[in-house]
Amino acid sequence: GEEVPLALNFKAGESIETCGEQAAEEAPTYPEFERVMSEVRPLGQLRDSFIIATDLSGLIVIDQHVAHERVLFEAYLRQKLAGKLDIQRLLMPIVVQLPPRQLVILDSIIPELAQNGFEVEPFGPKTIAIKTAPAVLKAAAVEKLLVELLDGLERETQVMNIDALKKKIAATVSCHAAIKINTPLDETKMRWLLGELMKTDVPTVCPHGRPIILRYDLREILKAFKRA
């Protein structure tokens, strides 16, 4: 039969530099971020994916998907810490077939999945049934999220501690729940998103390490037009 590798071990006190989390902790922020963002005026969207805005110092481009992902990520962690995570019971359990290695990995993380609102049970020798999920997710995204999470854990080459696992689950949930690119936003929604982003602890980088904001200082713009 097919050889089944050992399960991943999640040990408290041991660390691993996961993609994005290390970058997020060390993410640079430009000076006086809150003051600058409070003066932001959204102008519109580029291809229904990037918010174009201005402030007193220049031009700002915001990736709306990763901006919303950062907002949801921090809100999700706060709600989970407070024990107030909203959970939905799916109308029909989602049945997923998994390869042997991922079944072993899943068994290792079921307690943490339960803490995140996922009720997962065996449903045959190679399948599982997902009965509940965080309410922030659409039912159609649940299977894709779990498979993506297991794929990522399968590729890990080091032992991941429990804190890193918690952040990885929260980041994956937030990514799937966030508004997508190619989504039109009116001015009210753009202002709301920018305001919520300003309140986050790390407003410049998403939980996976991608930049949220590109900034073009007025001096750079003037120089490019040979007006400096």
Foldseek 3Di string as FASTA:
>chain_A
DDDADAEFAAAPPDADDAFQQVLLVVPDDDPPLLVFLVQWAWDFDDLQAWTWIAGPWAIKIFGQLLLQLLLQLVVLVVCLVVVNFAKDFDPFWDKDFDDRHLVRHCVNCVVVQVSQHWDWADDDDGMITTGMHGPLADPVCVVVLSVVLSVVVVPDPDRHHPVRNNSSSSSSRSSRSGDHGSHGDDSVVVSVSSVSLSPGPRSQAGSSGHGGMDTDTPVNVCVVVVND
